[in-house]
C-alpha atoms as a PDB file:
ATOM      1  CA  UNK A   1     -59.594  12.957  53.111  1.00  0.00           C
ATOM      2  CA  UNK A   2     -59.705  16.111  55.213  1.00  0.00           C
ATOM      3  CA  UNK A   3     -62.052  18.739  56.788  1.00  0.00           C
ATOM      4  CA  UNK A   4     -61.599  21.343  53.938  1.00  0.00           C
ATOM      5  CA  UNK A   5     -64.937  21.925  52.265  1.00  0.00           C
ATOM      6  CA  UNK A   6     -65.222  22.436  48.615  1.00  0.00           C
ATOM      7  CA  UNK A   7     -68.534  22.703  46.401  1.00  0.00           C
ATOM      8  CA  UNK A   8     -69.113  19.863  44.021  1.00  0.00           C
ATOM      9  CA  UNK A   9     -71.810  19.771  41.206  1.00  0.00           C
ATOM     10  CA  UNK A  10     -72.478  16.357  39.876  1.00  0.00           C
ATOM     11  CA  UNK A  11     -72.590  16.222  36.034  1.00  0.00           C
ATOM     12  CA  UNK A  12     -75.524  16.719  33.760  1.00  0.00           C
ATOM     13  CA  UNK A  13     -77.308  13.607  32.446  1.00  0.00           C
ATOM     14  CA  UNK A  14     -80.265  13.150  30.046  1.00  0.00           C
ATOM     15  CA  UNK A  15     -82.623  13.174  33.061  1.00  0.00           C
ATOM     16  CA  UNK A  16     -81.497  16.759  33.700  1.00  0.00           C
ATOM     17  CA  UNK A  17     -79.194  18.449  36.415  1.00  0.00           C
ATOM     18  CA  UNK A  18     -78.116  16.384  39.405  1.00  0.00           C
ATOM     19  CA  UNK A  19     -78.645  18.049  42.835  1.00  0.00           C
ATOM     20  CA  UNK A  20     -75.701  20.028  44.086  1.00  0.00           C
ATOM     21  CA  UNK A  21     -73.915  18.634  47.196  1.00  0.00           C
ATOM     22  CA  UNK A  22     -71.368  20.068  49.479  1.00  0.00           C
ATOM     23  CA  UNK A  23     -68.381  17.705  49.876  1.00  0.00           C
ATOM     24  CA  UNK A  24     -65.147  17.419  51.755  1.00  0.00           C
ATOM     25  CA  UNK A  25     -62.293  17.189  49.338  1.00  0.00           C
ATOM     26  CA  UNK A  26     -58.893  16.059  50.370  1.00  0.00           C
ATOM     27  CA  UNK A  27     -55.835  18.376  49.439  1.00  0.00           C
ATOM     28  CA  UNK A  28     -53.251  16.734  47.607  1.00  0.00           C
ATOM     29  CA  UNK A  29     -49.522  17.458  47.298  1.00  0.00           C
ATOM     30  CA  UNK A  30     -48.071  19.128  44.312  1.00  0.00           C
ATOM     31  CA  UNK A  31     -47.301  16.562  41.500  1.00  0.00           C
ATOM     32  CA  UNK A  32     -46.635  18.846  38.781  1.00  0.00           C
ATOM     33  CA  UNK A  33     -48.584  17.991  35.531  1.00  0.00           C
ATOM     34  CA  UNK A  34     -48.337  14.120  36.181  1.00  0.00           C
ATOM     35  CA  UNK A  35     -51.743  12.405  36.091  1.00  0.00           C
ATOM     36  CA  UNK A  36     -51.216   8.847  36.786  1.00  0.00           C
ATOM     37  CA  UNK A  37     -54.149   6.528  37.382  1.00  0.00           C
ATOM     38  CA  UNK A  38     -51.970   3.498  38.392  1.00  0.00           C
ATOM     39  CA  UNK A  39     -49.634   3.843  41.370  1.00  0.00           C
ATOM     40  CA  UNK A  40     -46.208   2.333  41.677  1.00  0.00           C
ATOM     41  CA  UNK A  41     -46.168  -1.354  42.705  1.00  0.00           C
ATOM     42  CA  UNK A  42     -45.946  -2.181  46.473  1.00  0.00           C
ATOM     43  CA  UNK A  43     -46.420  -0.148  49.443  1.00  0.00           C
ATOM     44  CA  UNK A  44     -43.841   2.559  49.971  1.00  0.00           C
ATOM     45  CA  UNK A  45     -43.519   2.463  53.801  1.00  0.00           C
ATOM     46  CA  UNK A  46     -39.792   2.173  54.311  1.00  0.00           C
ATOM     47  CA  UNK A  47     -38.374   3.540  57.644  1.00  0.00           C
ATOM     48  CA  UNK A  48     -36.133   6.533  57.873  1.00  0.00           C
ATOM     49  CA  UNK A  49     -34.034   7.935  60.625  1.00  0.00           C
ATOM     50  CA  UNK A  50     -33.648  11.671  61.080  1.00  0.00           C
ATOM     51  CA  UNK A  51     -31.432  13.792  63.321  1.00  0.00           C
ATOM     52  CA  UNK A  52     -33.500  16.037  65.751  1.00  0.00           C
ATOM     53  CA  UNK A  53     -32.263  19.091  63.684  1.00  0.00           C
ATOM     54  CA  UNK A  54     -33.932  17.819  60.580  1.00  0.00           C
ATOM     55  CA  UNK A  55     -37.458  17.562  61.880  1.00  0.00           C
ATOM     56  CA  UNK A  56     -38.362  21.207  60.861  1.00  0.00           C
ATOM     57  CA  UNK A  57     -37.748  20.283  57.233  1.00  0.00           C
ATOM     58  CA  UNK A  58     -39.865  17.115  57.429  1.00  0.00           C
ATOM     59  CA  UNK A  59     -43.143  17.248  55.457  1.00  0.00           C
ATOM     60  CA  UNK A  60     -45.551  14.145  54.886  1.00  0.00           C
ATOM     61  CA  UNK A  61     -47.660  14.061  51.813  1.00  0.00           C
ATOM     62  CA  UNK A  62     -51.330  12.984  52.522  1.00  0.00           C
ATOM     63  CA  UNK A  63     -53.014  10.372  50.169  1.00  0.00           C
ATOM     64  CA  UNK A  64     -50.169  10.154  47.877  1.00  0.00           C
ATOM     65  CA  UNK A  65     -49.417   6.417  48.295  1.00  0.00           C
ATOM     66  CA  UNK A  66     -51.829   3.556  47.832  1.00  0.00           C
ATOM     67  CA  UNK A  67     -54.502   2.346  45.568  1.00  0.00           C
ATOM     68  CA  UNK A  68     -56.253   4.727  43.144  1.00  0.00           C
ATOM     69  CA  UNK A  69     -60.038   4.569  43.810  1.00  0.00           C
ATOM     70  CA  UNK A  70     -60.968   7.067  41.117  1.00  0.00           C
ATOM     71  CA  UNK A  71     -60.631  10.747  40.365  1.00  0.00           C
ATOM     72  CA  UNK A  72     -61.869  13.860  42.302  1.00  0.00           C
ATOM     73  CA  UNK A  73     -64.007  16.648  40.591  1.00  0.00           C
ATOM     74  CA  UNK A  74     -60.660  18.086  39.356  1.00  0.00           C
ATOM     75  CA  UNK A  75     -59.758  14.893  37.353  1.00  0.00           C
ATOM     76  CA  UNK A  76     -56.941  14.258  39.916  1.00  0.00           C
ATOM     77  CA  UNK A  77     -56.292  10.836  41.287  1.00  0.00           C
ATOM     78  CA  UNK A  78     -58.080   9.941  44.542  1.00  0.00           C
ATOM     79  CA  UNK A  79     -55.662   7.657  46.289  1.00  0.00           C
ATOM     80  CA  UNK A  80     -56.504   5.436  49.382  1.00  0.00           C
ATOM     81  CA  UNK A  81     -53.844   4.053  51.483  1.00  0.00           C
ATOM     82  CA  UNK A  82     -55.518   0.750  51.575  1.00  0.00           C
ATOM     83  CA  UNK A  83     -52.763  -1.488  53.252  1.00  0.00           C
ATOM     84  CA  UNK A  84     -50.970  -0.688  56.441  1.00  0.00           C
ATOM     85  CA  UNK A  85     -49.167  -2.432  59.348  1.00  0.00           C
ATOM     86  CA  UNK A  86     -52.577  -3.005  60.873  1.00  0.00           C
ATOM     87  CA  UNK A  87     -55.895  -4.632  59.911  1.00  0.00           C
ATOM     88  CA  UNK A  88     -58.297  -2.227  58.001  1.00  0.00           C
ATOM     89  CA  UNK A  89     -62.176  -2.537  57.312  1.00  0.00           C
ATOM     90  CA  UNK A  90     -63.693  -1.027  54.318  1.00  0.00           C
ATOM     91  CA  UNK A  91     -67.465  -1.295  53.543  1.00  0.00           C
ATOM     92  CA  UNK A  92     -68.966  -0.746  50.082  1.00  0.00           C
ATOM     93  CA  UNK A  93     -72.706  -0.194  49.803  1.00  0.00           C
ATOM     94  CA  UNK A  94     -73.184  -0.633  46.073  1.00  0.00           C
ATOM     95  CA  UNK A  95     -72.591  -3.046  43.329  1.00  0.00           C
ATOM     96  CA  UNK A  96     -70.044  -5.758  42.272  1.00  0.00           C
ATOM     97  CA  UNK A  97     -68.550  -3.526  39.510  1.00  0.00           C
ATOM     98  CA  UNK A  98     -67.033  -1.108  41.787  1.00  0.00           C
ATOM     99  CA  UNK A  99     -65.754  -3.919  44.103  1.00  0.00           C
ATOM    100  CA  UNK A 100     -64.194  -5.627  41.045  1.00  0.00           C
ATOM    101  CA  UNK A 101     -62.496  -2.628  39.972  1.00  0.00           C
ATOM    102  CA  UNK A 102     -61.069  -1.895  43.361  1.00  0.00           C
ATOM    103  CA  UNK A 103     -59.779  -5.475  43.550  1.00  0.00           C
ATOM    104  CA  UNK A 104     -58.158  -5.206  40.207  1.00  0.00           C
ATOM    105  CA  UNK A 105     -56.454  -1.953  41.205  1.00  0.00           C
ATOM    106  CA  UNK A 106     -55.284  -3.403  44.409  1.00  0.00           C
ATOM    107  CA  UNK A 107     -53.581  -6.236  42.347  1.00  0.00           C
ATOM    108  CA  UNK A 108     -51.790  -3.477  40.443  1.00  0.00           C
ATOM    109  CA  UNK A 109     -49.976  -2.304  43.580  1.00  0.00           C
ATOM    110  CA  UNK A 110     -48.745  -5.854  44.132  1.00  0.00           C
ATOM    111  CA  UNK A 111     -51.398  -7.001  46.504  1.00  0.00           C
ATOM    112  CA  UNK A 112     -53.094 -10.409  46.542  1.00  0.00           C
ATOM    113  CA  UNK A 113     -56.911 -10.554  46.560  1.00  0.00           C
ATOM    114  CA  UNK A 114     -59.052 -13.153  48.196  1.00  0.00           C
ATOM    115  CA  UNK A 115     -62.699 -13.160  47.208  1.00  0.00           C
ATOM    116  CA  UNK A 116     -65.064 -14.864  49.780  1.00  0.00           C
ATOM    117  CA  UNK A 117     -68.295 -15.271  48.065  1.00  0.00           C
ATOM    118  CA  UNK A 118     -71.514 -17.141  47.669  1.00  0.00           C
ATOM    119  CA  UNK A 119     -71.503 -16.184  43.915  1.00  0.00           C
ATOM    120  CA  UNK A 120     -68.335 -17.769  42.464  1.00  0.00           C
ATOM    121  CA  UNK A 121     -69.799 -17.402  38.932  1.00  0.00           C
ATOM    122  CA  UNK A 122     -69.863 -13.705  39.267  1.00  0.00           C
ATOM    123  CA  UNK A 123     -66.064 -13.463  40.241  1.00  0.00           C
ATOM    124  CA  UNK A 124     -64.615 -16.431  38.184  1.00  0.00           C
ATOM    125  CA  UNK A 125     -64.068 -14.349  34.852  1.00  0.00           C
ATOM    126  CA  UNK A 126     -62.184 -11.653  36.934  1.00  0.00           C
ATOM    127  CA  UNK A 127     -60.016 -14.081  38.715  1.00  0.00           C
ATOM    128  CA  UNK A 128     -59.157 -15.919  35.398  1.00  0.00           C
ATOM    129  CA  UNK A 129     -58.321 -12.790  33.473  1.00  0.00           C
ATOM    130  CA  UNK A 130     -56.489 -10.571  36.054  1.00  0.00           C
ATOM    131  CA  UNK A 131     -52.743 -10.883  36.666  1.00  0.00           C
ATOM    132  CA  UNK A 132     -51.656 -11.571  33.030  1.00  0.00           C
ATOM    133  CA  UNK A 133     -51.394 -15.454  33.659  1.00  0.00           C
ATOM    134  CA  UNK A 134     -50.524 -15.062  37.298  1.00  0.00           C
ATOM    135  CA  UNK A 135     -53.078 -16.072  39.979  1.00  0.00           C
ATOM    136  CA  UNK A 136     -53.472 -12.803  42.013  1.00  0.00           C
ATOM    137  CA  UNK A 137     -57.230 -13.314  42.646  1.00  0.00           C
ATOM    138  CA  UNK A 138     -58.510 -16.393  44.581  1.00  0.00           C
ATOM    139  CA  UNK A 139     -62.172 -17.110  44.863  1.00  0.00           C
ATOM    140  CA  UNK A 140     -63.203 -19.285  48.065  1.00  0.00           C
ATOM    141  CA  UNK A 141     -66.533 -20.151  49.587  1.00  0.00           C
ATOM    142  CA  UNK A 142     -68.051 -18.097  52.470  1.00  0.00           C
ATOM    143  CA  UNK A 143     -66.313 -18.913  55.896  1.00  0.00           C
ATOM    144  CA  UNK A 144     -63.701 -20.857  54.247  1.00  0.00           C
ATOM    145  CA  UNK A 145     -60.923 -18.251  54.615  1.00  0.00           C
ATOM    146  CA  UNK A 146     -57.988 -19.055  56.835  1.00  0.00           C
ATOM    147  CA  UNK A 147     -54.734 -17.381  57.664  1.00  0.00           C
ATOM    148  CA  UNK A 148     -53.816 -15.322  54.648  1.00  0.00           C
ATOM    149  CA  UNK A 149     -50.064 -14.876  55.282  1.00  0.00           C
ATOM    150  CA  UNK A 150     -50.095 -11.142  54.643  1.00  0.00           C
ATOM    151  CA  UNK A 151     -46.730  -9.209  54.904  1.00  0.00           C
ATOM    152  CA  UNK A 152     -45.665  -5.748  54.026  1.00  0.00           C
ATOM    153  CA  UNK A 153     -44.232  -7.114  50.661  1.00  0.00           C
ATOM    154  CA  UNK A 154     -47.357  -9.251  50.094  1.00  0.00           C
ATOM    155  CA  UNK A 155     -50.373  -7.438  51.508  1.00  0.00           C
ATOM    156  CA  UNK A 156     -53.818  -8.943  51.053  1.00  0.00           C
ATOM    157  CA  UNK A 157     -57.333  -7.606  50.253  1.00  0.00           C
ATOM    158  CA  UNK A 158     -59.995  -9.789  51.554  1.00  0.00           C
ATOM    159  CA  UNK A 159     -63.113  -9.094  49.614  1.00  0.00           C
ATOM    160  CA  UNK A 160     -66.380 -10.309  51.145  1.00  0.00           C
ATOM    161  CA  UNK A 161     -69.437 -10.810  49.130  1.00  0.00           C
ATOM    162  CA  UNK A 162     -71.855 -12.458  51.351  1.00  0.00           C
ATOM    163  CA  UNK A 163     -75.098 -10.306  51.221  1.00  0.00           C
ATOM    164  CA  UNK A 164     -76.396  -7.348  53.109  1.00  0.00           C
ATOM    165  CA  UNK A 165     -75.852  -9.114  56.467  1.00  0.00           C
ATOM    166  CA  UNK A 166     -72.679 -10.981  56.074  1.00  0.00           C
ATOM    167  CA  UNK A 167     -71.657 -13.624  58.691  1.00  0.00           C
ATOM    168  CA  UNK A 168     -68.645 -12.942  61.026  1.00  0.00           C
ATOM    169  CA  UNK A 169     -65.401 -13.702  59.067  1.00  0.00           C
ATOM    170  CA  UNK A 170     -63.370 -16.731  59.735  1.00  0.00           C
ATOM    171  CA  UNK A 171     -60.136 -15.019  58.748  1.00  0.00           C
ATOM    172  CA  UNK A 172     -58.103 -13.453  61.690  1.00  0.00           C
ATOM    173  CA  UNK A 173     -57.560  -9.697  61.569  1.00  0.00           C
ATOM    174  CA  UNK A 174     -53.847  -9.340  60.977  1.00  0.00           C
ATOM    175  CA  UNK A 175     -51.404  -6.550  59.805  1.00  0.00           C
ATOM    176  CA  UNK A 176     -51.442  -5.806  55.992  1.00  0.00           C
ATOM    177  CA  UNK A 177     -54.908  -7.305  55.543  1.00  0.00           C
ATOM    178  CA  UNK A 178     -57.617  -5.096  54.482  1.00  0.00           C
ATOM    179  CA  UNK A 179     -61.366  -6.506  54.538  1.00  0.00           C
ATOM    180  CA  UNK A 180     -63.559  -4.950  52.074  1.00  0.00           C
ATOM    181  CA  UNK A 181     -67.222  -5.825  52.606  1.00  0.00           C
ATOM    182  CA  UNK A 182     -69.584  -5.505  49.637  1.00  0.00           C
ATOM    183  CA  UNK A 183     -73.097  -4.744  50.826  1.00  0.00           C
ATOM    184  CA  UNK A 184     -75.976  -4.543  48.070  1.00  0.00           C
ATOM    185  CA  UNK A 185     -77.975  -2.133  50.216  1.00  0.00           C
ATOM    186  CA  UNK A 186     -77.740  -0.371  53.630  1.00  0.00           C
ATOM    187  CA  UNK A 187     -79.382  -2.799  56.124  1.00  0.00           C
ATOM    188  CA  UNK A 188     -80.176  -0.944  59.302  1.00  0.00           C
ATOM    189  CA  UNK A 189     -79.332  -4.122  61.277  1.00  0.00           C
ATOM    190  CA  UNK A 190     -75.641  -3.995  59.920  1.00  0.00           C
ATOM    191  CA  UNK A 191     -75.216  -0.370  60.800  1.00  0.00           C
ATOM    192  CA  UNK A 192     -73.240  -1.139  63.974  1.00  0.00           C
ATOM    193  CA  UNK A 193     -70.461  -2.633  61.677  1.00  0.00           C
ATOM    194  CA  UNK A 194     -70.462   0.443  59.312  1.00  0.00           C
ATOM    195  CA  UNK A 195     -69.862   2.863  62.121  1.00  0.00           C
ATOM    196  CA  UNK A 196     -66.585   0.968  63.148  1.00  0.00           C
ATOM    197  CA  UNK A 197     -65.447   0.626  59.517  1.00  0.00           C
ATOM    198  CA  UNK A 198     -62.361   2.732  58.695  1.00  0.00           C
ATOM    199  CA  UNK A 199     -63.822   3.692  55.385  1.00  0.00           C
ATOM    200  CA  UNK A 200     -67.427   3.364  53.995  1.00  0.00           C
ATOM    201  CA  UNK A 201     -68.185   4.098  50.298  1.00  0.00           C
ATOM    202  CA  UNK A 202     -71.650   4.329  48.988  1.00  0.00           C
ATOM    203  CA  UNK A 203     -73.092   4.295  45.460  1.00  0.00           C
ATOM    204  CA  UNK A 204     -76.587   5.286  44.610  1.00  0.00           C
ATOM    205  CA  UNK A 205     -78.934   4.300  47.481  1.00  0.00           C
ATOM    206  CA  UNK A 206     -82.664   4.855  48.227  1.00  0.00           C
ATOM    207  CA  UNK A 207     -83.952   7.773  50.008  1.00  0.00           C
ATOM    208  CA  UNK A 208     -84.601   5.760  53.346  1.00  0.00           C
ATOM    209  CA  UNK A 209     -81.089   4.274  53.097  1.00  0.00           C
ATOM    210  CA  UNK A 210     -79.837   7.862  52.665  1.00  0.00           C
ATOM    211  CA  UNK A 211     -81.546   8.887  55.759  1.00  0.00           C
ATOM    212  CA  UNK A 212     -80.023   6.070  57.669  1.00  0.00           C
ATOM    213  CA  UNK A 213     -76.528   7.099  56.205  1.00  0.00           C
ATOM    214  CA  UNK A 214     -77.072  10.519  57.336  1.00  0.00           C
ATOM    215  CA  UNK A 215     -77.454   9.464  60.817  1.00  0.00           C
ATOM    216  CA  UNK A 216     -74.598   7.159  60.906  1.00  0.00           C
ATOM    217  CA  UNK A 217     -72.141   9.485  59.068  1.00  0.00           C
ATOM    218  CA  UNK A 218     -73.501  12.937  59.911  1.00  0.00           C
ATOM    219  CA  UNK A 219     -74.122  13.732  56.161  1.00  0.00           C
ATOM    220  CA  UNK A 220     -75.471  17.090  55.074  1.00  0.00           C
ATOM    221  CA  UNK A 221     -79.014  17.463  53.584  1.00  0.00           C
ATOM    222  CA  UNK A 222     -77.258  17.993  50.277  1.00  0.00           C
ATOM    223  CA  UNK A 223     -75.676  14.502  50.516  1.00  0.00           C
ATOM    224  CA  UNK A 224     -79.064  12.971  51.547  1.00  0.00           C
ATOM    225  CA  UNK A 225     -80.662  14.461  48.376  1.00  0.00           C
ATOM    226  CA  UNK A 226     -77.663  13.526  46.004  1.00  0.00           C
ATOM    227  CA  UNK A 227     -77.234   9.871  47.116  1.00  0.00           C
ATOM    228  CA  UNK A 228     -80.418   8.620  45.544  1.00  0.00           C
ATOM    229  CA  UNK A 229     -79.461  10.043  42.240  1.00  0.00           C
ATOM    230  CA  UNK A 230     -75.704   9.386  41.936  1.00  0.00           C
ATOM    231  CA  UNK A 231     -74.521   8.153  38.486  1.00  0.00           C
ATOM    232  CA  UNK A 232     -73.244   4.603  38.458  1.00  0.00           C
ATOM    233  CA  UNK A 233     -69.406   5.815  38.242  1.00  0.00           C
ATOM    234  CA  UNK A 234     -69.864   7.973  41.300  1.00  0.00           C
ATOM    235  CA  UNK A 235     -69.471   7.091  44.948  1.00  0.00           C
ATOM    236  CA  UNK A 236     -69.407   8.989  48.271  1.00  0.00           C
ATOM    237  CA  UNK A 237     -66.487   7.907  50.471  1.00  0.00           C
ATOM    238  CA  UNK A 238     -66.635   8.590  54.058  1.00  0.00           C
ATOM    239  CA  UNK A 239     -64.196   8.249  56.997  1.00  0.00           C
ATOM    240  CA  UNK A 240     -63.956   9.681  60.455  1.00  0.00           C
ATOM    241  CA  UNK A 241     -62.142  12.728  59.302  1.00  0.00           C
ATOM    242  CA  UNK A 242     -64.141  13.809  56.199  1.00  0.00           C
ATOM    243  CA  UNK A 243     -65.883  12.720  52.931  1.00  0.00           C
ATOM    244  CA  UNK A 244     -65.348  12.824  49.332  1.00  0.00           C
ATOM    245  CA  UNK A 245     -67.172  12.169  46.042  1.00  0.00           C
ATOM    246  CA  UNK A 246     -65.022  10.051  43.773  1.00  0.00           C
ATOM    247  CA  UNK A 247     -65.573   8.986  40.077  1.00  0.00           C
ATOM    248  CA  UNK A 248     -64.430   5.490  39.467  1.00  0.00           C
ATOM    249  CA  UNK A 249     -62.903   6.594  36.053  1.00  0.00           C
ATOM    250  CA  UNK A 250     -62.093   3.181  34.671  1.00  0.00           C
ATOM    251  CA  UNK A 251     -59.284   3.021  32.076  1.00  0.00           C
ATOM    252  CA  UNK A 252     -59.623   1.592  28.644  1.00  0.00           C
ATOM    253  CA  UNK A 253     -58.165  -1.854  29.806  1.00  0.00           C
ATOM    254  CA  UNK A 254     -60.381  -1.957  32.914  1.00  0.00           C
ATOM    255  CA  UNK A 255     -63.409  -1.220  30.716  1.00  0.00           C
ATOM    256  CA  UNK A 256     -62.624  -3.929  28.213  1.00  0.00           C
ATOM    257  CA  UNK A 257     -62.379  -6.447  31.285  1.00  0.00           C
ATOM    258  CA  UNK A 258     -65.283  -5.284  33.345  1.00  0.00           C
ATOM    259  CA  UNK A 259     -67.631  -3.489  30.882  1.00  0.00           C
ATOM    260  CA  UNK A 260     -69.270  -0.064  31.610  1.00  0.00           C
ATOM    261  CA  UNK A 261     -69.863   1.225  35.319  1.00  0.00           C
ATOM    262  CA  UNK A 262     -73.051   0.140  36.811  1.00  0.00           C
ATOM    263  CA  UNK A 263     -74.747   0.218  40.077  1.00  0.00           C
ATOM    264  CA  UNK A 264     -76.831  -3.018  39.896  1.00  0.00           C
ATOM    265  CA  UNK A 265     -75.216  -6.669  39.270  1.00  0.00           C
END
């Protein structure tokens, strides 16, 4: 994500044209004609040593290594560096479909997923069918998460599904652990936690919730108008340095496992 601004027009639906919104789109490095939706396994964070004379030739691609969270308006992969040598916090104001999709894509990079939930029946099918016979997703009760043993070779996504005002996590914040908190709606009493999150994704929310989001994340009037009318496969991702609309763009295999994109559970 960056501060470069680009016009974005949501797609037409049977209900008419969705309102236009101004969004910030992250520039991506040149990748030729390659359009991959699943990244290479494992975080590519090897250390390199350069001589001082080589610094001028150094360039760092932005957003080119991580978990594919969807596609931008140009149908290019939108990639989020989800696992780092520090703890990260992500909040998703939306439905379990997108949370499950992100969990599935995290496992494709070699990460382990621990789902802390009061709805084990909702997550059991995903845990049973993901991983091709290997247990890559574990489901545990709320506040029963201990030390996750995350490393650079085995990062962990802790996915918390405990309502709009989840209790404090029992898991320690350690490097290579990313906490994704699923919130069914934007509760004003939880807004303080959203402000401190590294990333916040919002699917369709009500007009009052959009007004709250505008104050929290300094959204434009166009964003406030667009959020209550977003399609189920569309989400607005925000961070301290920008924001971007992203289509979830599920693959055929993902759709066969999770069904069609939806906002409500």
